[in-house]
C-alpha atoms as a PDB file:
ATOM      1  CA  MET A   1     134.257 150.707  69.621  1.00  0.00           C
ATOM      2  CA  CYS A   2     134.780 147.388  67.606  1.00  0.00           C
ATOM      3  CA  SER A   3     136.676 145.699  70.221  1.00  0.00           C
ATOM      4  CA  PHE A   4     134.289 146.692  73.015  1.00  0.00           C
ATOM      5  CA  ARG A   5     131.434 145.177  70.713  1.00  0.00           C
ATOM      6  CA  ILE A   6     133.510 141.554  70.077  1.00  0.00           C
ATOM      7  CA  VAL A   7     134.209 141.482  73.698  1.00  0.00           C
ATOM      8  CA  GLY A   8     130.360 141.558  74.701  1.00  0.00           C
ATOM      9  CA  PHE A   9     129.269 139.412  72.012  1.00  0.00           C
ATOM     10  CA  ALA A  10     131.372 137.029  72.687  1.00  0.00           C
ATOM     11  CA  LEU A  11     130.610 137.395  76.464  1.00  0.00           C
ATOM     12  CA  ILE A  12     126.947 137.320  75.400  1.00  0.00           C
ATOM     13  CA  MET A  13     127.319 133.911  73.658  1.00  0.00           C
ATOM     14  CA  CYS A  14     129.164 132.032  76.252  1.00  0.00           C
ATOM     15  CA  LEU A  15     126.417 133.018  78.716  1.00  0.00           C
ATOM     16  CA  SER A  16     123.983 131.634  75.945  1.00  0.00           C
ATOM     17  CA  LEU A  17     126.133 128.664  76.040  1.00  0.00           C
ATOM     18  CA  THR A  18     126.302 127.955  79.586  1.00  0.00           C
ATOM     19  CA  ALA A  19     122.616 128.590  79.989  1.00  0.00           C
ATOM     20  CA  PHE A  20     121.865 125.845  77.106  1.00  0.00           C
ATOM     21  CA  ALA A  21     124.260 123.238  78.476  1.00  0.00           C
ATOM     22  CA  GLN A  22     122.471 123.648  81.913  1.00  0.00           C
ATOM     23  CA  THR A  23     119.206 123.128  80.173  1.00  0.00           C
ATOM     24  CA  THR A  24     120.273 120.208  78.542  1.00  0.00           C
ATOM     25  CA  GLU A  25     121.586 118.765  81.543  1.00  0.00           C
ATOM     26  CA  GLU A  26     118.264 119.488  83.464  1.00  0.00           C
ATOM     27  CA  GLU A  27     116.123 118.133  80.385  1.00  0.00           C
ATOM     28  CA  ILE A  28     118.563 114.763  80.678  1.00  0.00           C
ATOM     29  CA  LEU A  29     118.437 114.242  84.447  1.00  0.00           C
ATOM     30  CA  ALA A  30     114.378 114.829  83.961  1.00  0.00           C
ATOM     31  CA  ALA A  31     113.995 112.418  81.361  1.00  0.00           C
ATOM     32  CA  ALA A  32     116.424 109.556  82.755  1.00  0.00           C
ATOM     33  CA  SER A  33     114.026 109.879  85.971  1.00  0.00           C
ATOM     34  CA  GLN A  34     111.072 109.696  83.695  1.00  0.00           C
ATOM     35  CA  ASP A  35     112.580 106.364  82.407  1.00  0.00           C
ATOM     36  CA  ALA A  36     113.432 104.844  85.777  1.00  0.00           C
ATOM     37  CA  ARG A  37     109.357 105.405  86.863  1.00  0.00           C
ATOM     38  CA  ILE A  38     108.489 103.800  83.556  1.00  0.00           C
ATOM     39  CA  SER A  39     111.024 100.799  84.725  1.00  0.00           C
ATOM     40  CA  GLU A  40     109.552 100.594  87.942  1.00  0.00           C
ATOM     41  CA  LEU A  41     106.064 100.706  86.584  1.00  0.00           C
ATOM     42  CA  THR A  42     106.779  98.044  84.138  1.00  0.00           C
ATOM     43  CA  ALA A  43     109.163  95.782  86.921  1.00  0.00           C
ATOM     44  CA  GLU A  44     105.701  95.956  89.791  1.00  0.00           C
ATOM     45  CA  ARG A  45     103.431  94.851  87.175  1.00  0.00           C
ATOM     46  CA  VAL A  46     104.922  91.939  86.192  1.00  0.00           C
ATOM     47  CA  LEU A  47     106.023  91.221  90.270  1.00  0.00           C
ATOM     48  CA  TYR A  48     102.800  91.828  91.335  1.00  0.00           C
ATOM     49  CA  ALA A  49     101.420  89.352  88.597  1.00  0.00           C
ATOM     50  CA  ALA A  50     103.546  87.155  89.800  1.00  0.00           C
ATOM     51  CA  ASP A  51     103.252  87.165  93.325  1.00  0.00           C
ATOM     52  CA  GLN A  52      99.537  86.480  93.070  1.00  0.00           C
ATOM     53  CA  ALA A  53      99.828  83.376  90.374  1.00  0.00           C
ATOM     54  CA  LEU A  54     102.397  81.765  92.406  1.00  0.00           C
ATOM     55  CA  ASP A  55      99.845  82.240  95.388  1.00  0.00           C
ATOM     56  CA  ALA A  56      97.316  80.746  93.053  1.00  0.00           C
ATOM     57  CA  ALA A  57      99.712  77.981  91.756  1.00  0.00           C
ATOM     58  CA  ALA A  58      99.945  76.776  95.209  1.00  0.00           C
ATOM     59  CA  VAL A  59      96.359  76.841  95.812  1.00  0.00           C
ATOM     60  CA  ILE A  60      96.218  74.510  92.655  1.00  0.00           C
ATOM     61  CA  VAL A  61      99.200  71.814  93.855  1.00  0.00           C
ATOM     62  CA  SER A  62      97.656  71.922  97.394  1.00  0.00           C
ATOM     63  CA  THR A  63      94.052  71.036  96.196  1.00  0.00           C
ATOM     64  CA  LEU A  64      94.233  69.014  92.904  1.00  0.00           C
ATOM     65  CA  ARG A  65      95.450  65.439  93.095  1.00  0.00           C
ATOM     66  CA  ASN A  66      95.554  64.874  89.208  1.00  0.00           C
ATOM     67  CA  ASP A  67      99.459  65.805  87.646  1.00  0.00           C
ATOM     68  CA  ARG A  68      98.079  66.352  84.459  1.00  0.00           C
ATOM     69  CA  LEU A  69      95.136  68.848  85.492  1.00  0.00           C
ATOM     70  CA  VAL A  70      97.660  70.707  87.965  1.00  0.00           C
ATOM     71  CA  HIS A  71      99.757  71.448  84.588  1.00  0.00           C
ATOM     72  CA  GLU A  72      97.307  72.528  82.798  1.00  0.00           C
ATOM     73  CA  GLU A  73      96.045  74.783  85.249  1.00  0.00           C
ATOM     74  CA  LEU A  74      99.684  76.166  86.555  1.00  0.00           C
ATOM     75  CA  LYS A  75      99.972  76.638  82.485  1.00  0.00           C
ATOM     76  CA  ARG A  76      96.660  78.670  82.612  1.00  0.00           C
ATOM     77  CA  VAL A  77      97.534  80.854  85.694  1.00  0.00           C
ATOM     78  CA  ALA A  78     101.789  82.006  83.923  1.00  0.00           C
ATOM     79  CA  GLU A  79      99.623  83.100  80.919  1.00  0.00           C
ATOM     80  CA  GLY A  80      98.334  85.773  83.170  1.00  0.00           C
ATOM     81  CA  VAL A  81     102.039  86.909  83.901  1.00  0.00           C
ATOM     82  CA  PRO A  82     103.599  89.290  81.449  1.00  0.00           C
ATOM     83  CA  GLY A  83     106.765  88.255  80.274  1.00  0.00           C
ATOM     84  CA  THR A  84     106.261  84.772  81.882  1.00  0.00           C
ATOM     85  CA  ARG A  85     106.291  81.495  79.879  1.00  0.00           C
ATOM     86  CA  ALA A  86     106.146  79.082  82.603  1.00  0.00           C
ATOM     87  CA  ILE A  87     105.464  78.448  86.424  1.00  0.00           C
ATOM     88  CA  ILE A  88     107.484  75.644  87.824  1.00  0.00           C
ATOM     89  CA  VAL A  89     107.301  74.095  91.100  1.00  0.00           C
ATOM     90  CA  ILE A  90     110.385  72.603  93.415  1.00  0.00           C
ATOM     91  CA  GLY A  91     110.028  69.624  95.826  1.00  0.00           C
ATOM     92  CA  PRO A  92     111.901  69.886  99.623  1.00  0.00           C
ATOM     93  CA  ASP A  93     114.745  68.487  98.008  1.00  0.00           C
ATOM     94  CA  GLY A  94     115.160  70.601  94.917  1.00  0.00           C
ATOM     95  CA  ARG A  95     113.783  68.245  92.791  1.00  0.00           C
ATOM     96  CA  LEU A  96     111.387  69.106  90.290  1.00  0.00           C
ATOM     97  CA  LYS A  97     107.939  68.343  90.633  1.00  0.00           C
ATOM     98  CA  HIS A  98     105.635  70.289  88.063  1.00  0.00           C
ATOM     99  CA  ASP A  99     106.670  72.623  84.871  1.00  0.00           C
ATOM    100  CA  SER A 100     103.834  74.483  83.277  1.00  0.00           C
ATOM    101  CA  TYR A 101     105.707  74.182  80.066  1.00  0.00           C
ATOM    102  CA  LYS A 102     106.219  70.553  79.723  1.00  0.00           C
ATOM    103  CA  TYR A 103     103.941  67.261  80.973  1.00  0.00           C
ATOM    104  CA  PRO A 104     105.480  65.559  82.316  1.00  0.00           C
ATOM    105  CA  PRO A 105     108.087  67.207  84.166  1.00  0.00           C
ATOM    106  CA  GLN A 106     111.543  66.157  83.296  1.00  0.00           C
ATOM    107  CA  ASP A 107     113.396  64.679  86.116  1.00  0.00           C
ATOM    108  CA  LEU A 108     116.102  67.477  87.148  1.00  0.00           C
ATOM    109  CA  ASP A 109     117.669  68.323  90.227  1.00  0.00           C
ATOM    110  CA  LEU A 110     117.430  71.924  91.085  1.00  0.00           C
ATOM    111  CA  SER A 111     119.052  71.752  94.523  1.00  0.00           C
ATOM    112  CA  ASP A 112     122.158  73.790  93.556  1.00  0.00           C
ATOM    113  CA  ARG A 113     120.428  76.649  92.005  1.00  0.00           C
ATOM    114  CA  THR A 114     120.993  80.029  93.426  1.00  0.00           C
ATOM    115  CA  TYR A 115     117.233  80.929  93.224  1.00  0.00           C
ATOM    116  CA  PHE A 116     116.026  77.633  94.969  1.00  0.00           C
ATOM    117  CA  LYS A 117     118.328  78.608  98.022  1.00  0.00           C
ATOM    118  CA  GLU A 118     117.338  82.275  97.966  1.00  0.00           C
ATOM    119  CA  GLY A 119     113.876  80.812  97.749  1.00  0.00           C
ATOM    120  CA  LEU A 120     114.666  78.502 101.125  1.00  0.00           C
ATOM    121  CA  SER A 121     116.392  81.922 103.006  1.00  0.00           C
ATOM    122  CA  ARG A 122     113.880  84.968 101.998  1.00  0.00           C
ATOM    123  CA  SER A 123     110.853  84.985 102.797  1.00  0.00           C
ATOM    124  CA  GLY A 124     108.165  86.759 100.112  1.00  0.00           C
ATOM    125  CA  LEU A 125     108.772  87.591  96.099  1.00  0.00           C
ATOM    126  CA  VAL A 126     112.426  87.105  95.332  1.00  0.00           C
ATOM    127  CA  ALA A 127     113.968  88.428  92.166  1.00  0.00           C
ATOM    128  CA  GLY A 128     116.969  86.148  91.314  1.00  0.00           C
ATOM    129  CA  LYS A 129     119.489  87.114  88.962  1.00  0.00           C
ATOM    130  CA  ALA A 130     119.292  85.875  85.284  1.00  0.00           C
ATOM    131  CA  VAL A 131     120.242  82.533  84.307  1.00  0.00           C
ATOM    132  CA  VAL A 132     120.170  79.777  81.324  1.00  0.00           C
ATOM    133  CA  GLY A 133     117.703  77.039  81.706  1.00  0.00           C
ATOM    134  CA  ARG A 134     119.504  73.948  81.732  1.00  0.00           C
ATOM    135  CA  THR A 135     116.702  71.957  78.558  1.00  0.00           C
ATOM    136  CA  SER A 136     115.397  75.029  77.011  1.00  0.00           C
ATOM    137  CA  GLY A 137     118.698  77.398  76.668  1.00  0.00           C
ATOM    138  CA  ALA A 138     117.170  80.228  77.096  1.00  0.00           C
ATOM    139  CA  SER A 139     118.286  83.155  79.345  1.00  0.00           C
ATOM    140  CA  PHE A 140     115.262  83.942  82.669  1.00  0.00           C
ATOM    141  CA  VAL A 141     114.787  85.844  85.348  1.00  0.00           C
ATOM    142  CA  PRO A 142     113.497  83.758  87.873  1.00  0.00           C
ATOM    143  CA  LEU A 143     110.779  85.209  90.268  1.00  0.00           C
ATOM    144  CA  VAL A 144     110.747  82.717  93.331  1.00  0.00           C
ATOM    145  CA  LYS A 145     108.412  82.607  96.317  1.00  0.00           C
ATOM    146  CA  ARG A 146     108.243  79.550  99.154  1.00  0.00           C
ATOM    147  CA  ILE A 147     104.961  78.756  99.957  1.00  0.00           C
ATOM    148  CA  GLY A 148     104.889  75.788 102.569  1.00  0.00           C
ATOM    149  CA  ALA A 149     107.231  73.226 102.016  1.00  0.00           C
ATOM    150  CA  LEU A 150     107.356  74.087  97.942  1.00  0.00           C
ATOM    151  CA  THR A 151     109.354  76.246  96.217  1.00  0.00           C
ATOM    152  CA  PHE A 152     107.248  78.258  93.262  1.00  0.00           C
ATOM    153  CA  VAL A 153     109.067  79.820  90.288  1.00  0.00           C
ATOM    154  CA  ALA A 154     107.989  82.194  87.560  1.00  0.00           C
ATOM    155  CA  VAL A 155     110.297  81.671  84.492  1.00  0.00           C
ATOM    156  CA  THR A 156     110.204  85.157  83.117  1.00  0.00           C
ATOM    157  CA  SER A 157     111.968  87.094  80.469  1.00  0.00           C
ATOM    158  CA  PRO A 158     114.446  89.343  81.501  1.00  0.00           C
ATOM    159  CA  PHE A 159     113.138  92.155  79.270  1.00  0.00           C
ATOM    160  CA  ALA A 160     109.948  91.867  80.735  1.00  0.00           C
ATOM    161  CA  LEU A 161     111.208  93.773  84.054  1.00  0.00           C
ATOM    162  CA  VAL A 162     112.619  97.063  82.242  1.00  0.00           C
ATOM    163  CA  ASP A 163     111.410  99.619  79.710  1.00  0.00           C
ATOM    164  CA  VAL A 164     113.257  98.840  76.527  1.00  0.00           C
ATOM    165  CA  LYS A 165     114.121 101.882  75.035  1.00  0.00           C
ATOM    166  CA  THR A 166     115.343 100.876  71.341  1.00  0.00           C
ATOM    167  CA  GLN A 167     114.992 104.253  70.100  1.00  0.00           C
ATOM    168  CA  CYS A 168     117.394 106.151  72.408  1.00  0.00           C
ATOM    169  CA  GLY A 169     121.369 105.161  71.733  1.00  0.00           C
ATOM    170  CA  ASP A 170     123.235 106.216  75.020  1.00  0.00           C
ATOM    171  CA  CYS A 171     120.222 104.950  77.379  1.00  0.00           C
ATOM    172  CA  TRP A 172     119.946 101.811  79.444  1.00  0.00           C
ATOM    173  CA  SER A 173     117.709 100.433  81.697  1.00  0.00           C
ATOM    174  CA  LEU A 174     118.239  98.349  84.418  1.00  0.00           C
ATOM    175  CA  ALA A 175     116.236  96.359  87.323  1.00  0.00           C
ATOM    176  CA  ILE A 176     118.757  95.326  90.081  1.00  0.00           C
ATOM    177  CA  LYS A 177     118.171  93.738  93.061  1.00  0.00           C
ATOM    178  CA  ASP A 178     118.637  95.852  96.804  1.00  0.00           C
ATOM    179  CA  ASP A 179     121.858  93.851  97.315  1.00  0.00           C
ATOM    180  CA  GLY A 180     123.301  95.408  94.136  1.00  0.00           C
ATOM    181  CA  ASP A 181     123.046  91.980  91.682  1.00  0.00           C
ATOM    182  CA  LEU A 182     122.052  92.654  88.410  1.00  0.00           C
ATOM    183  CA  VAL A 183     118.633  91.392  87.248  1.00  0.00           C
ATOM    184  CA  SER A 184     118.142  92.535  83.762  1.00  0.00           C
ATOM    185  CA  ILE A 185     119.876  95.334  81.536  1.00  0.00           C
ATOM    186  CA  PHE A 186     118.507  96.522  78.054  1.00  0.00           C
ATOM    187  CA  PRO A 187     120.500  96.379  76.166  1.00  0.00           C
ATOM    188  CA  PRO A 188     122.059  93.358  76.716  1.00  0.00           C
ATOM    189  CA  GLU A 189     125.217  94.207  75.735  1.00  0.00           C
ATOM    190  CA  ALA A 190     125.919  96.946  77.755  1.00  0.00           C
ATOM    191  CA  GLN A 191     128.461  96.917  80.486  1.00  0.00           C
ATOM    192  CA  VAL A 192     128.159  98.141  84.305  1.00  0.00           C
ATOM    193  CA  SER A 193     130.555  98.198  86.958  1.00  0.00           C
ATOM    194  CA  PRO A 194     129.173  97.924  90.665  1.00  0.00           C
ATOM    195  CA  ALA A 195     130.657 101.134  91.377  1.00  0.00           C
ATOM    196  CA  LEU A 196     127.806 102.214  89.337  1.00  0.00           C
ATOM    197  CA  LEU A 197     124.918  99.836  90.195  1.00  0.00           C
ATOM    198  CA  ASN A 198     126.563 100.930  94.203  1.00  0.00           C
ATOM    199  CA  ILE A 199     125.065 104.688  93.450  1.00  0.00           C
ATOM    200  CA  ALA A 200     121.630 103.590  93.777  1.00  0.00           C
ATOM    201  CA  VAL A 201     122.252 100.735  96.176  1.00  0.00           C
ATOM    202  CA  GLN A 202     124.184 102.691  98.877  1.00  0.00           C
ATOM    203  CA  SER A 203     121.747 105.894  98.477  1.00  0.00           C
ATOM    204  CA  ASN A 204     119.617 106.474 101.633  1.00  0.00           C
ATOM    205  CA  GLU A 205     116.844 107.740  99.154  1.00  0.00           C
ATOM    206  CA  ARG A 206     114.483 105.831  97.664  1.00  0.00           C
ATOM    207  CA  THR A 207     114.516 108.059  94.358  1.00  0.00           C
ATOM    208  CA  GLY A 208     117.258 110.096  92.981  1.00  0.00           C
ATOM    209  CA  THR A 209     119.421 111.363  90.066  1.00  0.00           C
ATOM    210  CA  ARG A 210     123.591 111.640  90.075  1.00  0.00           C
ATOM    211  CA  ILE A 211     125.854 112.806  87.396  1.00  0.00           C
ATOM    212  CA  ALA A 212     128.470 110.286  87.315  1.00  0.00           C
ATOM    213  CA  ARG A 213     131.746 110.387  85.342  1.00  0.00           C
ATOM    214  CA  TYR A 214     132.176 106.510  84.155  1.00  0.00           C
ATOM    215  CA  ARG A 215     134.615 105.652  81.680  1.00  0.00           C
ATOM    216  CA  ASN A 216     135.468 108.226  79.121  1.00  0.00           C
ATOM    217  CA  SER A 217     132.056 109.576  79.293  1.00  0.00           C
ATOM    218  CA  VAL A 218     129.647 111.589  81.644  1.00  0.00           C
ATOM    219  CA  ILE A 219     126.353 110.419  82.359  1.00  0.00           C
ATOM    220  CA  ALA A 220     122.886 110.890  83.982  1.00  0.00           C
ATOM    221  CA  VAL A 221     121.842 108.249  86.316  1.00  0.00           C
ATOM    222  CA  ALA A 222     118.557 107.916  87.862  1.00  0.00           C
ATOM    223  CA  TRP A 223     116.811 105.509  90.314  1.00  0.00           C
ATOM    224  CA  ILE A 224     113.559 104.306  92.365  1.00  0.00           C
ATOM    225  CA  LYS A 225     113.754 101.802  94.955  1.00  0.00           C
ATOM    226  CA  SER A 226     110.027  99.565  94.844  1.00  0.00           C
ATOM    227  CA  GLU A 227     108.308  99.978  98.033  1.00  0.00           C
ATOM    228  CA  ARG A 228     106.706  96.174  98.092  1.00  0.00           C
ATOM    229  CA  PHE A 229     109.793  94.250  96.291  1.00  0.00           C
ATOM    230  CA  PRO A 230     113.209  94.017  96.531  1.00  0.00           C
ATOM    231  CA  ILE A 231     114.285  95.660  93.202  1.00  0.00           C
ATOM    232  CA  ILE A 232     115.695  98.708  92.429  1.00  0.00           C
ATOM    233  CA  SER A 233     114.845 100.209  88.788  1.00  0.00           C
ATOM    234  CA  VAL A 234     117.849 102.148  87.965  1.00  0.00           C
ATOM    235  CA  ALA A 235     117.758 104.187  84.209  1.00  0.00           C
ATOM    236  CA  VAL A 236     121.247 105.954  82.731  1.00  0.00           C
ATOM    237  CA  ARG A 237     121.415 108.815  79.949  1.00  0.00           C
ATOM    238  CA  GLY A 238     124.168 110.281  78.262  1.00  0.00           C
ATOM    239  CA  LEU A 239     125.389 113.560  78.599  1.00  0.00           C
ATOM    240  CA  PRO A 240     127.714 116.095  76.916  1.00  0.00           C
ATOM    241  CA  ASP A 241     130.953 115.735  78.236  1.00  0.00           C
ATOM    242  CA  THR A 242     130.803 119.823  79.538  1.00  0.00           C
ATOM    243  CA  ALA A 243     128.406 118.052  82.377  1.00  0.00           C
ATOM    244  CA  LEU A 244     130.026 118.811  85.774  1.00  0.00           C
ATOM    245  CA  PRO A 245     129.749 115.212  87.393  1.00  0.00           C
ATOM    246  CA  ASP A 246     128.738 114.873  90.907  1.00  0.00           C
ATOM    247  CA  ILE A 247     130.899 111.792  91.796  1.00  0.00           C
ATOM    248  CA  ASP A 248     134.005 109.696  89.480  1.00  0.00           C
ATOM    249  CA  ILE A 249     133.465 106.179  89.092  1.00  0.00           C
ATOM    250  CA  ASN A 250     136.239 105.222  87.512  1.00  0.00           C
END
């Protein structure tokens, strides 16, 4: 009788732990989905504002004939875009024409910049990979739009495009391009492989979650693909090692 009770108690404990583990996984997956949604809203708030600001900048440049007034108006417009410190205007030859941050603008040739080339080849607003400013030395994400013969760029903080989670030790927030290039990540020291990013990029689903074995951990990966802009918001959260992965991306 005693042994029967012990076995029964062990079985109950095992079932309880299994149910607890399943509940924990479901809660973390739901939290990751919520993180991705918040990052999407954060990114789109900036992208919508930048899109409108660059259209306004094009009107300013085409209307005003005084470069000092153009500078002042671009500065005013840039202040309306969250996380953006400047709007610059690049001529067809790749040379800097206007800079809302500095007047007069420096004589810079930006024709070799990837974001300038992307602006020439793609329509609509393009979020480029984070780069380091040649004069400021600060990292920024170029939000680029080709309008007429000119290329307009909103110089934006990388962290303006993701949900910055400072209270979660095993959470990552990412913004990636639809081709898989990383735009922004928080925390900045996090290391991600292309295989992790491809979970979202290669999925036919606009939103989704996966459990993945990554390096020595098991993680929840959630994503949302923007319907308006070529950007994907991704959230990653750590899972207990007992979680059963859908895929192994090592």
